[in-house]
N, C-alpha and C. Protein backbone atom coordinates (compact mmCIF):
# COMPACT_ATOMS: atom_id res chain seq x y z
N UNK A 1 90.21 -73.69 -0.11
CA UNK A 1 89.58 -74.73 0.66
C UNK A 1 88.12 -74.39 0.86
N UNK A 2 87.28 -75.42 0.82
CA UNK A 2 85.84 -75.22 0.97
C UNK A 2 85.43 -75.18 2.42
N UNK A 3 84.25 -74.69 2.68
CA UNK A 3 83.72 -74.61 4.03
C UNK A 3 83.11 -75.96 4.41
N UNK A 4 83.42 -76.41 5.59
CA UNK A 4 82.89 -77.71 6.05
C UNK A 4 81.55 -77.51 6.71
N UNK A 5 80.67 -78.46 6.47
CA UNK A 5 79.36 -78.42 7.13
C UNK A 5 79.43 -79.23 8.42
N UNK A 6 79.00 -78.62 9.47
CA UNK A 6 78.93 -79.34 10.74
C UNK A 6 77.49 -79.84 10.93
N UNK A 7 77.30 -80.62 11.94
CA UNK A 7 75.97 -81.17 12.20
C UNK A 7 74.98 -80.07 12.58
N UNK A 8 75.50 -78.98 13.15
CA UNK A 8 74.59 -77.93 13.58
C UNK A 8 74.32 -76.89 12.48
N UNK A 9 75.11 -76.89 11.41
CA UNK A 9 74.89 -75.88 10.37
C UNK A 9 73.78 -76.33 9.42
N UNK A 10 72.81 -75.46 9.16
CA UNK A 10 71.71 -75.85 8.27
C UNK A 10 72.17 -75.83 6.81
N UNK A 11 71.63 -76.75 6.04
CA UNK A 11 71.91 -76.75 4.61
C UNK A 11 71.13 -75.61 3.96
N UNK A 12 71.74 -74.95 3.00
CA UNK A 12 71.02 -73.84 2.37
C UNK A 12 70.35 -74.35 1.10
N UNK A 13 69.20 -74.94 1.26
CA UNK A 13 68.41 -75.42 0.14
C UNK A 13 67.28 -74.43 -0.10
N UNK A 14 66.87 -74.23 -1.35
CA UNK A 14 65.77 -73.31 -1.60
C UNK A 14 64.47 -73.85 -1.03
N UNK A 15 63.64 -72.96 -0.57
CA UNK A 15 62.36 -73.37 0.00
C UNK A 15 61.42 -73.84 -1.10
N UNK A 16 60.39 -74.56 -0.71
CA UNK A 16 59.44 -75.11 -1.66
C UNK A 16 58.70 -74.02 -2.45
N UNK A 17 58.20 -72.94 -1.81
CA UNK A 17 57.55 -71.90 -2.61
C UNK A 17 58.48 -71.25 -3.63
N UNK A 18 59.75 -71.15 -3.25
CA UNK A 18 60.72 -70.58 -4.19
C UNK A 18 60.92 -71.51 -5.38
N UNK A 19 60.98 -72.81 -5.14
CA UNK A 19 61.14 -73.76 -6.24
C UNK A 19 59.92 -73.74 -7.16
N UNK A 20 58.73 -73.68 -6.60
CA UNK A 20 57.52 -73.64 -7.41
C UNK A 20 57.51 -72.38 -8.26
N UNK A 21 57.83 -71.25 -7.63
CA UNK A 21 57.87 -69.99 -8.36
C UNK A 21 58.92 -70.04 -9.48
N UNK A 22 60.05 -70.68 -9.21
CA UNK A 22 61.11 -70.79 -10.21
C UNK A 22 60.65 -71.64 -11.39
N UNK A 23 59.94 -72.75 -11.11
CA UNK A 23 59.46 -73.59 -12.20
C UNK A 23 58.43 -72.87 -13.05
N UNK A 24 57.54 -72.12 -12.42
CA UNK A 24 56.52 -71.37 -13.17
C UNK A 24 57.18 -70.31 -14.04
N UNK A 25 58.15 -69.58 -13.49
CA UNK A 25 58.79 -68.50 -14.25
C UNK A 25 59.67 -69.07 -15.36
N UNK A 26 60.33 -70.20 -15.11
CA UNK A 26 61.20 -70.78 -16.14
C UNK A 26 60.39 -71.31 -17.30
N UNK A 27 59.14 -71.74 -17.03
CA UNK A 27 58.33 -72.27 -18.12
C UNK A 27 57.66 -71.18 -18.93
N UNK A 28 57.59 -69.95 -18.39
CA UNK A 28 56.99 -68.86 -19.14
C UNK A 28 57.99 -68.34 -20.18
N UNK A 29 57.51 -67.78 -21.30
CA UNK A 29 58.44 -67.31 -22.33
C UNK A 29 59.26 -66.14 -21.81
N UNK A 30 60.56 -66.24 -21.99
CA UNK A 30 61.47 -65.18 -21.57
C UNK A 30 61.73 -65.16 -20.08
N UNK A 31 61.26 -66.16 -19.34
CA UNK A 31 61.42 -66.15 -17.90
C UNK A 31 62.62 -66.97 -17.47
N UNK A 32 63.27 -66.54 -16.41
CA UNK A 32 64.39 -67.29 -15.85
C UNK A 32 64.52 -66.87 -14.39
N UNK A 33 65.12 -67.73 -13.60
CA UNK A 33 65.32 -67.38 -12.20
C UNK A 33 66.74 -67.70 -11.79
N UNK A 34 67.15 -67.08 -10.71
CA UNK A 34 68.46 -67.34 -10.13
C UNK A 34 68.25 -67.67 -8.66
N UNK A 35 69.11 -68.51 -8.12
CA UNK A 35 69.07 -68.82 -6.70
C UNK A 35 70.28 -68.20 -6.04
N UNK A 36 70.03 -67.47 -4.99
CA UNK A 36 71.13 -66.95 -4.16
C UNK A 36 70.77 -67.30 -2.72
N UNK A 37 71.34 -68.38 -2.29
CA UNK A 37 70.98 -68.86 -0.96
C UNK A 37 69.55 -69.34 -0.97
N UNK A 38 68.76 -68.86 -0.03
CA UNK A 38 67.36 -69.24 0.03
C UNK A 38 66.48 -68.24 -0.73
N UNK A 39 67.08 -67.13 -1.17
CA UNK A 39 66.29 -66.11 -1.86
C UNK A 39 66.15 -66.49 -3.33
N UNK A 40 64.96 -66.39 -3.80
CA UNK A 40 64.67 -66.69 -5.21
C UNK A 40 64.46 -65.36 -5.93
N UNK A 41 65.36 -65.03 -6.83
CA UNK A 41 65.28 -63.75 -7.52
C UNK A 41 64.85 -63.96 -8.96
N UNK A 42 63.86 -63.23 -9.38
CA UNK A 42 63.40 -63.32 -10.77
C UNK A 42 64.37 -62.58 -11.67
N UNK A 43 64.41 -62.98 -12.93
CA UNK A 43 65.26 -62.30 -13.91
C UNK A 43 64.75 -60.88 -14.10
N UNK A 44 65.64 -59.96 -14.44
CA UNK A 44 65.20 -58.58 -14.64
C UNK A 44 64.21 -58.49 -15.79
N UNK A 45 63.32 -57.49 -15.70
CA UNK A 45 62.31 -57.34 -16.75
C UNK A 45 62.98 -56.94 -18.06
N UNK A 46 62.30 -57.22 -19.13
CA UNK A 46 62.83 -56.86 -20.45
C UNK A 46 62.75 -55.36 -20.62
N UNK A 47 63.77 -54.80 -21.25
CA UNK A 47 63.81 -53.36 -21.44
C UNK A 47 62.77 -52.94 -22.46
N UNK A 48 62.17 -51.78 -22.24
CA UNK A 48 61.20 -51.25 -23.18
C UNK A 48 61.92 -50.71 -24.40
N UNK A 49 61.19 -50.59 -25.47
CA UNK A 49 61.76 -50.08 -26.72
C UNK A 49 62.28 -48.67 -26.51
N UNK A 50 61.53 -47.87 -25.76
CA UNK A 50 61.95 -46.48 -25.51
C UNK A 50 63.29 -46.44 -24.78
N UNK A 51 63.45 -47.33 -23.78
CA UNK A 51 64.71 -47.36 -23.03
C UNK A 51 65.86 -47.82 -23.91
N UNK A 52 65.60 -48.82 -24.77
CA UNK A 52 66.64 -49.30 -25.66
C UNK A 52 67.03 -48.22 -26.67
N UNK A 53 66.04 -47.50 -27.20
CA UNK A 53 66.32 -46.44 -28.15
C UNK A 53 67.13 -45.32 -27.50
N UNK A 54 66.74 -44.95 -26.29
CA UNK A 54 67.47 -43.89 -25.58
C UNK A 54 68.92 -44.31 -25.33
N UNK A 55 69.14 -45.55 -24.92
CA UNK A 55 70.50 -46.03 -24.66
C UNK A 55 71.33 -46.07 -25.94
N UNK A 56 70.71 -46.50 -27.03
CA UNK A 56 71.43 -46.56 -28.31
C UNK A 56 71.78 -45.16 -28.80
N UNK A 57 70.84 -44.23 -28.70
CA UNK A 57 71.12 -42.85 -29.13
C UNK A 57 72.20 -42.21 -28.27
N UNK A 58 72.17 -42.47 -26.98
CA UNK A 58 73.19 -41.93 -26.09
C UNK A 58 74.56 -42.51 -26.43
N UNK A 59 74.61 -43.81 -26.72
CA UNK A 59 75.88 -44.44 -27.10
C UNK A 59 76.41 -43.84 -28.39
N UNK A 60 75.54 -43.63 -29.37
CA UNK A 60 75.96 -43.04 -30.63
C UNK A 60 76.44 -41.60 -30.44
N UNK A 61 75.78 -40.85 -29.54
CA UNK A 61 76.20 -39.48 -29.27
C UNK A 61 77.60 -39.46 -28.65
N UNK A 62 77.88 -40.40 -27.77
CA UNK A 62 79.22 -40.47 -27.18
C UNK A 62 80.27 -40.81 -28.22
N UNK A 63 79.95 -41.73 -29.13
CA UNK A 63 80.90 -42.09 -30.18
C UNK A 63 81.16 -40.90 -31.09
N UNK A 64 80.10 -40.18 -31.45
CA UNK A 64 80.26 -39.01 -32.32
C UNK A 64 81.08 -37.92 -31.62
N UNK A 65 80.90 -37.77 -30.31
CA UNK A 65 81.64 -36.75 -29.58
C UNK A 65 83.13 -37.11 -29.49
N UNK A 66 83.43 -38.39 -29.43
CA UNK A 66 84.83 -38.82 -29.31
C UNK A 66 85.60 -38.73 -30.61
N UNK A 67 84.91 -38.75 -31.75
CA UNK A 67 85.58 -38.69 -33.05
C UNK A 67 85.03 -37.51 -33.85
N UNK A 68 85.46 -36.27 -33.52
CA UNK A 68 84.88 -35.11 -34.20
C UNK A 68 85.24 -35.03 -35.68
N UNK A 69 86.42 -35.50 -36.06
CA UNK A 69 86.81 -35.44 -37.47
C UNK A 69 85.93 -36.37 -38.32
N UNK A 70 85.69 -37.56 -37.84
CA UNK A 70 84.84 -38.50 -38.57
C UNK A 70 83.40 -37.99 -38.63
N UNK A 71 82.94 -37.38 -37.55
CA UNK A 71 81.59 -36.81 -37.53
C UNK A 71 81.47 -35.69 -38.56
N UNK A 72 82.49 -34.83 -38.63
CA UNK A 72 82.48 -33.74 -39.61
C UNK A 72 82.46 -34.29 -41.03
N UNK A 73 83.27 -35.31 -41.30
CA UNK A 73 83.27 -35.91 -42.64
C UNK A 73 81.92 -36.55 -42.96
N UNK A 74 81.30 -37.18 -41.98
CA UNK A 74 79.99 -37.80 -42.21
C UNK A 74 78.92 -36.77 -42.52
N UNK A 75 79.06 -35.56 -41.96
CA UNK A 75 78.08 -34.51 -42.22
C UNK A 75 78.37 -33.76 -43.51
N UNK A 76 79.64 -33.54 -43.84
CA UNK A 76 80.01 -32.69 -44.98
C UNK A 76 80.03 -33.47 -46.29
N UNK A 77 80.43 -34.73 -46.27
CA UNK A 77 80.61 -35.47 -47.52
C UNK A 77 79.33 -35.60 -48.36
N UNK A 78 78.14 -35.87 -47.81
CA UNK A 78 76.95 -35.92 -48.67
C UNK A 78 76.63 -34.58 -49.32
N UNK A 79 76.78 -33.50 -48.55
CA UNK A 79 76.51 -32.17 -49.12
C UNK A 79 77.52 -31.85 -50.22
N UNK A 80 78.78 -32.21 -50.03
CA UNK A 80 79.81 -31.97 -51.04
C UNK A 80 79.51 -32.77 -52.31
N UNK A 81 79.12 -34.03 -52.17
CA UNK A 81 78.81 -34.86 -53.33
C UNK A 81 77.62 -34.31 -54.11
N UNK A 82 76.59 -33.89 -53.42
CA UNK A 82 75.41 -33.34 -54.09
C UNK A 82 75.76 -32.04 -54.80
N UNK A 83 76.57 -31.20 -54.16
CA UNK A 83 76.95 -29.94 -54.81
C UNK A 83 77.79 -30.19 -56.05
N UNK A 84 78.67 -31.18 -56.04
CA UNK A 84 79.45 -31.53 -57.24
C UNK A 84 78.51 -32.00 -58.35
N UNK A 85 77.52 -32.81 -58.02
CA UNK A 85 76.56 -33.28 -59.03
C UNK A 85 75.75 -32.12 -59.61
N UNK A 86 75.33 -31.18 -58.79
CA UNK A 86 74.54 -30.04 -59.26
C UNK A 86 75.39 -29.15 -60.16
N UNK A 87 76.62 -28.86 -59.77
CA UNK A 87 77.51 -28.03 -60.60
C UNK A 87 77.79 -28.74 -61.92
N UNK A 88 78.03 -30.03 -61.89
CA UNK A 88 78.27 -30.79 -63.13
C UNK A 88 77.06 -30.76 -64.05
N UNK A 89 75.88 -30.83 -63.49
CA UNK A 89 74.66 -30.79 -64.30
C UNK A 89 74.51 -29.43 -64.98
N UNK A 90 74.81 -28.36 -64.25
CA UNK A 90 74.65 -27.02 -64.82
C UNK A 90 75.76 -26.66 -65.80
N UNK A 91 76.89 -27.33 -65.74
CA UNK A 91 77.99 -27.04 -66.67
C UNK A 91 77.86 -27.79 -67.99
N UNK A 92 76.98 -28.74 -68.10
CA UNK A 92 76.85 -29.51 -69.34
C UNK A 92 75.79 -28.89 -70.24
N UNK A 93 76.00 -29.06 -71.55
CA UNK A 93 75.02 -28.63 -72.55
C UNK A 93 74.46 -29.89 -73.21
N UNK A 94 73.26 -30.27 -72.86
CA UNK A 94 72.72 -31.51 -73.43
C UNK A 94 72.38 -31.33 -74.91
N UNK A 95 72.67 -32.35 -75.69
CA UNK A 95 72.32 -32.35 -77.11
C UNK A 95 71.02 -33.12 -77.27
N UNK A 96 70.12 -32.58 -78.05
CA UNK A 96 68.87 -33.27 -78.30
C UNK A 96 68.84 -33.76 -79.74
N UNK A 97 68.29 -34.91 -79.95
CA UNK A 97 68.18 -35.52 -81.28
C UNK A 97 66.71 -35.78 -81.56
N UNK A 98 66.34 -35.64 -82.82
CA UNK A 98 64.98 -35.94 -83.21
C UNK A 98 64.74 -37.44 -83.17
N UNK A 99 63.51 -37.81 -83.04
CA UNK A 99 63.16 -39.22 -83.01
C UNK A 99 63.46 -39.84 -84.36
N UNK A 100 64.10 -40.99 -84.37
CA UNK A 100 64.45 -41.69 -85.61
C UNK A 100 64.61 -43.17 -85.29
N UNK A 101 64.69 -43.96 -86.33
CA UNK A 101 64.94 -45.39 -86.18
C UNK A 101 66.43 -45.60 -86.42
N UNK A 102 67.11 -46.05 -85.42
CA UNK A 102 68.56 -46.22 -85.51
C UNK A 102 68.95 -47.65 -85.80
N UNK A 103 68.03 -48.58 -85.81
CA UNK A 103 68.36 -49.98 -86.08
C UNK A 103 68.47 -50.19 -87.59
N UNK A 104 69.42 -51.02 -88.00
CA UNK A 104 69.58 -51.36 -89.40
C UNK A 104 68.54 -52.41 -89.75
N UNK A 105 67.77 -52.13 -90.81
CA UNK A 105 66.70 -53.04 -91.18
C UNK A 105 67.25 -54.23 -91.96
N UNK A 106 68.20 -54.02 -92.86
CA UNK A 106 68.79 -55.10 -93.66
C UNK A 106 70.23 -55.29 -93.21
N UNK A 107 70.58 -56.51 -92.93
CA UNK A 107 71.94 -56.82 -92.48
C UNK A 107 72.67 -57.49 -93.62
N UNK A 108 73.79 -56.89 -94.01
CA UNK A 108 74.62 -57.44 -95.08
C UNK A 108 75.60 -58.42 -94.47
N UNK A 109 75.40 -59.72 -94.68
CA UNK A 109 76.23 -60.75 -94.08
C UNK A 109 77.35 -61.21 -95.00
N UNK A 110 77.45 -60.62 -96.20
CA UNK A 110 78.49 -61.02 -97.15
C UNK A 110 79.89 -60.89 -96.58
N UNK A 111 80.27 -59.71 -96.04
CA UNK A 111 81.62 -59.60 -95.49
C UNK A 111 81.87 -60.55 -94.32
N UNK A 112 80.87 -60.83 -93.53
CA UNK A 112 81.04 -61.75 -92.41
C UNK A 112 81.28 -63.18 -92.89
N UNK A 113 80.57 -63.56 -93.95
CA UNK A 113 80.79 -64.92 -94.50
C UNK A 113 82.17 -65.03 -95.12
N UNK A 114 82.64 -63.94 -95.74
CA UNK A 114 83.99 -63.95 -96.30
C UNK A 114 85.04 -64.16 -95.23
N UNK A 115 84.87 -63.53 -94.08
CA UNK A 115 85.81 -63.73 -92.96
C UNK A 115 85.73 -65.14 -92.41
N UNK A 116 84.53 -65.70 -92.35
CA UNK A 116 84.36 -67.05 -91.81
C UNK A 116 85.00 -68.08 -92.73
N UNK A 117 84.97 -67.84 -94.05
CA UNK A 117 85.54 -68.80 -95.00
C UNK A 117 87.07 -68.77 -94.90
N UNK A 118 87.65 -67.59 -94.67
CA UNK A 118 89.12 -67.47 -94.57
C UNK A 118 89.65 -68.17 -93.32
N UNK A 119 88.85 -68.32 -92.31
CA UNK A 119 89.30 -68.97 -91.09
C UNK A 119 89.44 -70.42 -91.33
């Protein structure tokens, strides 16, 4: 059930300076206001980049602390992959070939035409 207003109870309307301040703040970029009774409260300030970075790093640290096995895999797997690549490189004996022309200069189309005629 709602509260009834009597003739003696004042209506809680925002004051004129609060309304003016609310209109100015709402028209500014990123500005907003809230009304709580007669008090006009401005929206909280935007967080600085430093604060956002600190919060994100702290959140990531908590996630890493909660999953130690996944953290270990994330740290060990790149080193393991690189070491496999290095060992594979050192175990191979590369063959070198002298410079030459490997393209066929004359193409014999006789056998190809024979196959096309049989089709």
